[in-house]
Amino acid sequence: MYQFFVDDCQIGKEYVTITGSDVNHIKNVLRMRPGEKIRVSSSSRDMFCEIAELTDDFVQADILDEEAPDTELPSRIYLFQGLPKGDRMEYIIQKSVELGVYEIIPVAMKYCVVKLDAKKASNKVKRWQAISESAAKQSKRSRIPEVHAVMNFKDAVEYAKLQDMILVPYENERGMEATREALKKVKPGQSISVFIGPEGGFDVEEVESAMAEGIHPITLGRRILRTETAGMTMLSILMFQLEQ
């Protein structure tokens, strides 16, 4: 069953009105017709609907049933991803949305190969947000994770500090023991920030500045993981820890 997202203001007592680019997708790409069933989500509701009317400007769908949102993790996970090369960020966004991430914050770090000016960064974020929406539809999420504008490392740390817990996979002399201790403290309902370095890893000064703010690193094992693997590994562990 295809899924679409709307704002709460588009939901009436008995029907939902879909507008924007989804109208063309429903009519001309999927070639759906009145009577076909779809799933529609807003920030607070998940509904099963039946298409009643299609026009060039909107699609109206009758609400058949409603369910309590249950596809979201019980904790909000914020992924602070060091900017990777090529199209790896698109892959990271797609998979992290599938795994339940709440927000994605691209971070410009010292060893990032990619350098984006304001115009390029703005265009990239639009593209990344579209990928987040597509992945949310595919994985039947109840919300579309926001992809933020690119932050510098200092601002990213300040934003991360607003959450209950911060995890930074990095070389750690205590090995997996520290990681297990940190994961034991993860509880449903908490908000969790996860920092992932770019291909070149974290700069020592970046880690030291983070530690000065009370953020302590953990490890993901003895092997060196690619930046796109490290984030998925961390999210998978948290999903397993939190999913009921």
C-alpha atoms as a PDB file:
ATOM      1  CA  MET A   1       0.000   0.000   0.000  1.00  0.00           C
ATOM      2  CA  TYR A   2       1.416   3.359  -1.026  1.00  0.00           C
ATOM      3  CA  GLN A   3       2.006   5.959   1.670  1.00  0.00           C
ATOM      4  CA  PHE A   4       1.729   9.749   1.554  1.00  0.00           C
ATOM      5  CA  PHE A   5       2.274  12.570   4.029  1.00  0.00           C
ATOM      6  CA  VAL A   6       0.063  15.572   4.775  1.00  0.00           C
ATOM      7  CA  ASP A   7      -0.081  18.393   7.309  1.00  0.00           C
ATOM      8  CA  ASP A   8      -2.703  18.186  10.054  1.00  0.00           C
ATOM      9  CA  CYS A   9      -4.562  21.106   8.434  1.00  0.00           C
ATOM     10  CA  GLN A  10      -5.228  18.890   5.372  1.00  0.00           C
ATOM     11  CA  ILE A  11      -7.198  16.388   7.441  1.00  0.00           C
ATOM     12  CA  GLY A  12     -10.939  16.851   7.687  1.00  0.00           C
ATOM     13  CA  LYS A  13     -13.462  14.971   9.778  1.00  0.00           C
ATOM     14  CA  GLU A  14     -14.042  12.276   7.174  1.00  0.00           C
ATOM     15  CA  TYR A  15     -11.473  12.856   4.435  1.00  0.00           C
ATOM     16  CA  VAL A  16      -7.909  13.898   3.659  1.00  0.00           C
ATOM     17  CA  THR A  17      -6.811  16.325   0.940  1.00  0.00           C
ATOM     18  CA  ILE A  18      -3.449  15.615  -0.698  1.00  0.00           C
ATOM     19  CA  THR A  19      -1.767  18.468  -2.597  1.00  0.00           C
ATOM     20  CA  GLY A  20       1.609  19.297  -4.121  1.00  0.00           C
ATOM     21  CA  SER A  21       3.867  16.948  -6.088  1.00  0.00           C
ATOM     22  CA  ASP A  22       2.114  13.856  -4.728  1.00  0.00           C
ATOM     23  CA  VAL A  23      -0.929  14.689  -6.868  1.00  0.00           C
ATOM     24  CA  ASN A  24       1.010  14.180 -10.093  1.00  0.00           C
ATOM     25  CA  HIS A  25       2.673  11.077  -8.654  1.00  0.00           C
ATOM     26  CA  ILE A  26      -0.667   9.521  -7.730  1.00  0.00           C
ATOM     27  CA  LYS A  27      -2.395  10.413 -11.017  1.00  0.00           C
ATOM     28  CA  ASN A  28       0.247  10.126 -13.686  1.00  0.00           C
ATOM     29  CA  VAL A  29       3.009   7.938 -12.259  1.00  0.00           C
ATOM     30  CA  LEU A  30       1.128   5.403 -10.174  1.00  0.00           C
ATOM     31  CA  ARG A  31      -2.013   5.868 -12.316  1.00  0.00           C
ATOM     32  CA  MET A  32      -4.241   5.301  -9.309  1.00  0.00           C
ATOM     33  CA  ARG A  33      -8.003   5.572  -9.591  1.00  0.00           C
ATOM     34  CA  PRO A  34     -10.945   6.230  -7.235  1.00  0.00           C
ATOM     35  CA  GLY A  35     -11.534   3.255  -4.982  1.00  0.00           C
ATOM     36  CA  GLU A  36      -7.860   2.387  -4.490  1.00  0.00           C
ATOM     37  CA  LYS A  37      -6.505   2.281  -0.932  1.00  0.00           C
ATOM     38  CA  ILE A  38      -3.608   4.366   0.389  1.00  0.00           C
ATOM     39  CA  ARG A  39      -1.969   5.060   3.743  1.00  0.00           C
ATOM     40  CA  VAL A  40      -1.747   8.700   4.846  1.00  0.00           C
ATOM     41  CA  SER A  41       0.283  10.052   7.761  1.00  0.00           C
ATOM     42  CA  SER A  42       0.625  13.417   9.448  1.00  0.00           C
ATOM     43  CA  SER A  43       2.739  14.422  12.424  1.00  0.00           C
ATOM     44  CA  SER A  44       0.097  12.991  14.759  1.00  0.00           C
ATOM     45  CA  ARG A  45      -2.044  10.505  12.839  1.00  0.00           C
ATOM     46  CA  ASP A  46      -1.773   7.383  10.678  1.00  0.00           C
ATOM     47  CA  MET A  47      -4.823   6.661   8.499  1.00  0.00           C
ATOM     48  CA  PHE A  48      -5.989   4.124   5.951  1.00  0.00           C
ATOM     49  CA  CYS A  49      -7.876   5.901   3.172  1.00  0.00           C
ATOM     50  CA  GLU A  50      -9.694   5.288  -0.108  1.00  0.00           C
ATOM     51  CA  ILE A  51      -9.211   7.646  -3.036  1.00  0.00           C
ATOM     52  CA  ALA A  52     -12.505   9.403  -3.769  1.00  0.00           C
ATOM     53  CA  GLU A  53     -11.594  12.178  -6.201  1.00  0.00           C
ATOM     54  CA  LEU A  54      -8.608  13.126  -8.373  1.00  0.00           C
ATOM     55  CA  THR A  55      -8.119  16.553  -9.943  1.00  0.00           C
ATOM     56  CA  ASP A  56      -5.125  18.408 -11.348  1.00  0.00           C
ATOM     57  CA  ASP A  57      -4.693  20.265  -8.042  1.00  0.00           C
ATOM     58  CA  PHE A  58      -5.607  17.783  -5.317  1.00  0.00           C
ATOM     59  CA  VAL A  59      -6.528  14.232  -4.416  1.00  0.00           C
ATOM     60  CA  GLN A  60      -9.300  13.674  -1.900  1.00  0.00           C
ATOM     61  CA  ALA A  61      -9.344  10.414   0.026  1.00  0.00           C
ATOM     62  CA  ASP A  62     -11.988   9.189   2.463  1.00  0.00           C
ATOM     63  CA  ILE A  63     -10.711   8.075   5.882  1.00  0.00           C
ATOM     64  CA  LEU A  64     -11.582   4.406   6.394  1.00  0.00           C
ATOM     65  CA  ASP A  65      -9.662   3.588   9.547  1.00  0.00           C
ATOM     66  CA  GLU A  66      -7.025   4.980  11.848  1.00  0.00           C
ATOM     67  CA  GLU A  67      -4.256   3.368  13.851  1.00  0.00           C
ATOM     68  CA  ALA A  68      -1.985   4.507  16.628  1.00  0.00           C
ATOM     69  CA  PRO A  69       1.451   5.442  15.221  1.00  0.00           C
ATOM     70  CA  ASP A  70       3.759   2.474  15.859  1.00  0.00           C
ATOM     71  CA  THR A  71       6.516   2.711  13.248  1.00  0.00           C
ATOM     72  CA  GLU A  72       8.602   5.262  15.168  1.00  0.00           C
ATOM     73  CA  LEU A  73      11.310   4.427  17.676  1.00  0.00           C
ATOM     74  CA  PRO A  74      10.486   5.274  21.307  1.00  0.00           C
ATOM     75  CA  SER A  75      13.510   7.612  21.374  1.00  0.00           C
ATOM     76  CA  ARG A  76      14.560  10.468  19.121  1.00  0.00           C
ATOM     77  CA  ILE A  77      17.917   9.773  17.491  1.00  0.00           C
ATOM     78  CA  TYR A  78      19.826  12.685  15.960  1.00  0.00           C
ATOM     79  CA  LEU A  79      22.510  11.678  13.462  1.00  0.00           C
ATOM     80  CA  PHE A  80      25.361  14.196  13.145  1.00  0.00           C
ATOM     81  CA  GLN A  81      27.064  13.020   9.964  1.00  0.00           C
ATOM     82  CA  GLY A  82      30.428  14.347   8.810  1.00  0.00           C
ATOM     83  CA  LEU A  83      30.063  15.298   5.142  1.00  0.00           C
ATOM     84  CA  PRO A  84      31.180  12.338   2.983  1.00  0.00           C
ATOM     85  CA  LYS A  85      32.351  12.289  -0.623  1.00  0.00           C
ATOM     86  CA  GLY A  86      30.214  11.695  -3.705  1.00  0.00           C
ATOM     87  CA  ASP A  87      26.674  10.468  -3.247  1.00  0.00           C
ATOM     88  CA  ARG A  88      27.348   8.656   0.023  1.00  0.00           C
ATOM     89  CA  MET A  89      25.275  11.190   1.953  1.00  0.00           C
ATOM     90  CA  GLU A  90      22.239  10.191  -0.083  1.00  0.00           C
ATOM     91  CA  TYR A  91      22.789   6.549   0.843  1.00  0.00           C
ATOM     92  CA  ILE A  92      23.303   7.449   4.510  1.00  0.00           C
ATOM     93  CA  ILE A  93      20.080   9.458   4.604  1.00  0.00           C
ATOM     94  CA  GLN A  94      18.067   6.727   2.913  1.00  0.00           C
ATOM     95  CA  LYS A  95      19.236   3.966   5.225  1.00  0.00           C
ATOM     96  CA  SER A  96      19.185   5.983   8.432  1.00  0.00           C
ATOM     97  CA  VAL A  97      15.569   6.965   7.757  1.00  0.00           C
ATOM     98  CA  GLU A  98      14.724   3.288   7.268  1.00  0.00           C
ATOM     99  CA  LEU A  99      16.373   2.543  10.628  1.00  0.00           C
ATOM    100  CA  GLY A 100      14.313   5.157  12.467  1.00  0.00           C
ATOM    101  CA  VAL A 101      16.482   8.282  12.746  1.00  0.00           C
ATOM    102  CA  TYR A 102      14.622  11.382  13.963  1.00  0.00           C
ATOM    103  CA  GLU A 103      16.786  14.122  12.430  1.00  0.00           C
ATOM    104  CA  ILE A 104      19.928  14.212  10.276  1.00  0.00           C
ATOM    105  CA  ILE A 105      22.460  16.995  10.697  1.00  0.00           C
ATOM    106  CA  PRO A 106      25.250  17.215   8.071  1.00  0.00           C
ATOM    107  CA  VAL A 107      28.413  18.502   9.733  1.00  0.00           C
ATOM    108  CA  ALA A 108      31.398  20.190   8.105  1.00  0.00           C
ATOM    109  CA  MET A 109      34.422  18.765   9.920  1.00  0.00           C
ATOM    110  CA  LYS A 110      38.137  19.408   9.481  1.00  0.00           C
ATOM    111  CA  TYR A 111      38.830  16.228   7.513  1.00  0.00           C
ATOM    112  CA  CYS A 112      35.770  16.489   5.253  1.00  0.00           C
ATOM    113  CA  VAL A 113      36.909  16.350   1.628  1.00  0.00           C
ATOM    114  CA  VAL A 114      33.676  17.987   0.459  1.00  0.00           C
ATOM    115  CA  LYS A 115      33.469  21.769   0.826  1.00  0.00           C
ATOM    116  CA  LEU A 116      30.078  23.314   0.061  1.00  0.00           C
ATOM    117  CA  ASP A 117      29.396  26.997  -0.492  1.00  0.00           C
ATOM    118  CA  ALA A 118      26.031  28.419   0.614  1.00  0.00           C
ATOM    119  CA  LYS A 119      24.302  27.906  -2.759  1.00  0.00           C
ATOM    120  CA  LYS A 120      25.532  24.333  -3.226  1.00  0.00           C
ATOM    121  CA  ALA A 121      24.666  23.487   0.371  1.00  0.00           C
ATOM    122  CA  SER A 122      21.115  24.808  -0.041  1.00  0.00           C
ATOM    123  CA  ASN A 123      20.562  22.745  -3.189  1.00  0.00           C
ATOM    124  CA  LYS A 124      22.031  19.662  -1.532  1.00  0.00           C
ATOM    125  CA  VAL A 125      19.746  19.983   1.479  1.00  0.00           C
ATOM    126  CA  LYS A 126      16.685  20.170  -0.782  1.00  0.00           C
ATOM    127  CA  ARG A 127      17.820  17.008  -2.537  1.00  0.00           C
ATOM    128  CA  TRP A 128      18.587  15.279   0.765  1.00  0.00           C
ATOM    129  CA  GLN A 129      15.186  16.204   2.196  1.00  0.00           C
ATOM    130  CA  ALA A 130      13.478  14.692  -0.844  1.00  0.00           C
ATOM    131  CA  ILE A 131      15.423  11.465  -0.269  1.00  0.00           C
ATOM    132  CA  SER A 132      14.347  11.474   3.374  1.00  0.00           C
ATOM    133  CA  GLU A 133      10.708  11.812   2.330  1.00  0.00           C
ATOM    134  CA  SER A 134      11.002   8.999  -0.215  1.00  0.00           C
ATOM    135  CA  ALA A 135      12.636   6.689   2.337  1.00  0.00           C
ATOM    136  CA  ALA A 136       9.994   7.555   4.936  1.00  0.00           C
ATOM    137  CA  LYS A 137       7.248   6.572   2.491  1.00  0.00           C
ATOM    138  CA  GLN A 138       9.002   3.327   1.551  1.00  0.00           C
ATOM    139  CA  SER A 139       9.568   2.278   5.179  1.00  0.00           C
ATOM    140  CA  LYS A 140       6.058   3.317   6.310  1.00  0.00           C
ATOM    141  CA  ARG A 141       7.324   5.911   8.763  1.00  0.00           C
ATOM    142  CA  SER A 142       4.811   8.147  10.535  1.00  0.00           C
ATOM    143  CA  ARG A 143       6.953  11.236   9.978  1.00  0.00           C
ATOM    144  CA  ILE A 144       9.569  12.554   7.586  1.00  0.00           C
ATOM    145  CA  PRO A 145      12.921  13.074   9.337  1.00  0.00           C
ATOM    146  CA  GLU A 146      14.267  16.583   8.843  1.00  0.00           C
ATOM    147  CA  VAL A 147      17.639  17.045   7.146  1.00  0.00           C
ATOM    148  CA  HIS A 148      19.190  20.209   8.551  1.00  0.00           C
ATOM    149  CA  ALA A 149      21.357  22.749   6.818  1.00  0.00           C
ATOM    150  CA  VAL A 150      25.071  21.963   7.103  1.00  0.00           C
ATOM    151  CA  MET A 151      26.500  22.932  10.506  1.00  0.00           C
ATOM    152  CA  ASN A 152      30.068  23.521  11.597  1.00  0.00           C
ATOM    153  CA  PHE A 153      31.405  21.245  14.329  1.00  0.00           C
ATOM    154  CA  LYS A 154      31.069  23.780  17.142  1.00  0.00           C
ATOM    155  CA  ASP A 155      27.418  24.528  16.391  1.00  0.00           C
ATOM    156  CA  ALA A 156      26.707  20.812  15.986  1.00  0.00           C
ATOM    157  CA  VAL A 157      28.078  20.096  19.468  1.00  0.00           C
ATOM    158  CA  GLU A 158      25.911  22.852  20.950  1.00  0.00           C
ATOM    159  CA  TYR A 159      22.821  21.396  19.261  1.00  0.00           C
ATOM    160  CA  ALA A 160      23.731  17.871  20.337  1.00  0.00           C
ATOM    161  CA  LYS A 161      23.972  19.004  23.962  1.00  0.00           C
ATOM    162  CA  LEU A 162      20.247  19.699  23.932  1.00  0.00           C
ATOM    163  CA  GLN A 163      19.663  15.926  23.862  1.00  0.00           C
ATOM    164  CA  ASP A 164      19.807  13.511  26.800  1.00  0.00           C
ATOM    165  CA  MET A 165      22.760  11.468  25.587  1.00  0.00           C
ATOM    166  CA  ILE A 166      25.610  11.911  23.102  1.00  0.00           C
ATOM    167  CA  LEU A 167      27.456   8.976  21.537  1.00  0.00           C
ATOM    168  CA  VAL A 168      30.668   9.506  19.553  1.00  0.00           C
ATOM    169  CA  PRO A 169      32.139   6.327  18.013  1.00  0.00           C
ATOM    170  CA  TYR A 170      35.909   6.873  18.165  1.00  0.00           C
ATOM    171  CA  GLU A 171      39.066   5.120  19.273  1.00  0.00           C
ATOM    172  CA  ASN A 172      38.740   4.339  22.978  1.00  0.00           C
ATOM    173  CA  GLU A 173      41.297   2.731  25.265  1.00  0.00           C
ATOM    174  CA  ARG A 174      38.589   0.956  27.265  1.00  0.00           C
ATOM    175  CA  GLY A 175      37.387  -0.914  24.191  1.00  0.00           C
ATOM    176  CA  MET A 176      33.886  -2.364  23.973  1.00  0.00           C
ATOM    177  CA  GLU A 177      33.400  -2.184  27.736  1.00  0.00           C
ATOM    178  CA  ALA A 178      32.746   1.564  27.546  1.00  0.00           C
ATOM    179  CA  THR A 179      30.344   1.039  24.657  1.00  0.00           C
ATOM    180  CA  ARG A 180      28.361  -1.579  26.585  1.00  0.00           C
ATOM    181  CA  GLU A 181      28.225   0.668  29.626  1.00  0.00           C
ATOM    182  CA  ALA A 182      26.897   3.546  27.526  1.00  0.00           C
ATOM    183  CA  LEU A 183      24.283   1.401  25.780  1.00  0.00           C
ATOM    184  CA  LYS A 184      22.992   0.064  29.112  1.00  0.00           C
ATOM    185  CA  LYS A 185      22.044   3.646  29.962  1.00  0.00           C
ATOM    186  CA  VAL A 186      19.925   4.078  26.827  1.00  0.00           C
ATOM    187  CA  LYS A 187      16.257   4.120  27.779  1.00  0.00           C
ATOM    188  CA  PRO A 188      13.075   4.587  25.708  1.00  0.00           C
ATOM    189  CA  GLY A 189      11.971   8.193  25.722  1.00  0.00           C
ATOM    190  CA  GLN A 190      15.467   9.648  25.757  1.00  0.00           C
ATOM    191  CA  SER A 191      16.835  11.784  22.952  1.00  0.00           C
ATOM    192  CA  ILE A 192      20.201  10.600  21.628  1.00  0.00           C
ATOM    193  CA  SER A 193      22.820  12.399  19.540  1.00  0.00           C
ATOM    194  CA  VAL A 194      25.198  10.268  17.457  1.00  0.00           C
ATOM    195  CA  PHE A 195      28.324  11.786  15.871  1.00  0.00           C
ATOM    196  CA  ILE A 196      29.912  10.075  12.866  1.00  0.00           C
ATOM    197  CA  GLY A 197      33.151  11.345  11.336  1.00  0.00           C
ATOM    198  CA  PRO A 198      33.825  11.701   7.582  1.00  0.00           C
ATOM    199  CA  GLU A 199      36.180   9.471   5.553  1.00  0.00           C
ATOM    200  CA  GLY A 200      39.202  11.079   7.190  1.00  0.00           C
ATOM    201  CA  GLY A 201      37.791  10.582  10.668  1.00  0.00           C
ATOM    202  CA  PHE A 202      37.633  13.099  13.489  1.00  0.00           C
ATOM    203  CA  ASP A 203      40.402  15.587  14.055  1.00  0.00           C
ATOM    204  CA  VAL A 204      42.010  15.167  17.484  1.00  0.00           C
ATOM    205  CA  GLU A 205      41.100  18.743  18.378  1.00  0.00           C
ATOM    206  CA  GLU A 206      37.459  18.061  17.504  1.00  0.00           C
ATOM    207  CA  VAL A 207      37.353  15.094  19.864  1.00  0.00           C
ATOM    208  CA  GLU A 208      39.171  17.004  22.595  1.00  0.00           C
ATOM    209  CA  SER A 209      36.776  19.934  22.307  1.00  0.00           C
ATOM    210  CA  ALA A 210      33.835  17.534  22.498  1.00  0.00           C
ATOM    211  CA  MET A 211      35.308  15.858  25.580  1.00  0.00           C
ATOM    212  CA  ALA A 212      35.770  19.286  27.155  1.00  0.00           C
ATOM    213  CA  GLU A 213      31.997  19.656  26.850  1.00  0.00           C
ATOM    214  CA  GLY A 214      31.496  16.418  28.758  1.00  0.00           C
ATOM    215  CA  ILE A 215      31.076  14.198  25.693  1.00  0.00           C
ATOM    216  CA  HIS A 216      32.966  10.919  25.956  1.00  0.00           C
ATOM    217  CA  PRO A 217      33.764   8.681  22.965  1.00  0.00           C
ATOM    218  CA  ILE A 218      32.919   5.002  22.591  1.00  0.00           C
ATOM    219  CA  THR A 219      34.124   2.358  20.145  1.00  0.00           C
ATOM    220  CA  LEU A 220      32.382   0.122  17.614  1.00  0.00           C
ATOM    221  CA  GLY A 221      35.068  -2.567  17.674  1.00  0.00           C
ATOM    222  CA  ARG A 222      38.604  -3.204  16.483  1.00  0.00           C
ATOM    223  CA  ARG A 223      37.901  -2.798  12.785  1.00  0.00           C
ATOM    224  CA  ILE A 224      37.879   0.512  10.940  1.00  0.00           C
ATOM    225  CA  LEU A 225      34.417   1.162   9.495  1.00  0.00           C
ATOM    226  CA  ARG A 226      33.584   3.371   6.551  1.00  0.00           C
ATOM    227  CA  THR A 227      31.654   6.506   7.441  1.00  0.00           C
ATOM    228  CA  GLU A 228      28.471   5.129   5.858  1.00  0.00           C
ATOM    229  CA  THR A 229      28.907   1.846   7.760  1.00  0.00           C
ATOM    230  CA  ALA A 230      29.590   3.422  11.151  1.00  0.00           C
ATOM    231  CA  GLY A 231      26.352   5.377  11.220  1.00  0.00           C
ATOM    232  CA  MET A 232      24.253   2.402  10.139  1.00  0.00           C
ATOM    233  CA  THR A 233      25.954   0.215  12.746  1.00  0.00           C
ATOM    234  CA  MET A 234      25.219   2.674  15.527  1.00  0.00           C
ATOM    235  CA  LEU A 235      21.610   3.136  14.465  1.00  0.00           C
ATOM    236  CA  SER A 236      21.097  -0.624  14.178  1.00  0.00           C
ATOM    237  CA  ILE A 237      22.411  -1.145  17.704  1.00  0.00           C
ATOM    238  CA  LEU A 238      20.136   1.555  19.079  1.00  0.00           C
ATOM    239  CA  MET A 239      17.127   0.216  17.164  1.00  0.00           C
ATOM    240  CA  PHE A 240      17.739  -3.234  18.666  1.00  0.00           C
ATOM    241  CA  GLN A 241      18.159  -1.713  22.125  1.00  0.00           C
ATOM    242  CA  LEU A 242      15.033   0.460  21.949  1.00  0.00           C
ATOM    243  CA  GLU A 243      12.500  -1.435  19.834  1.00  0.00           C
ATOM    244  CA  GLN A 244       9.804  -3.032  21.947  1.00  0.00           C
END
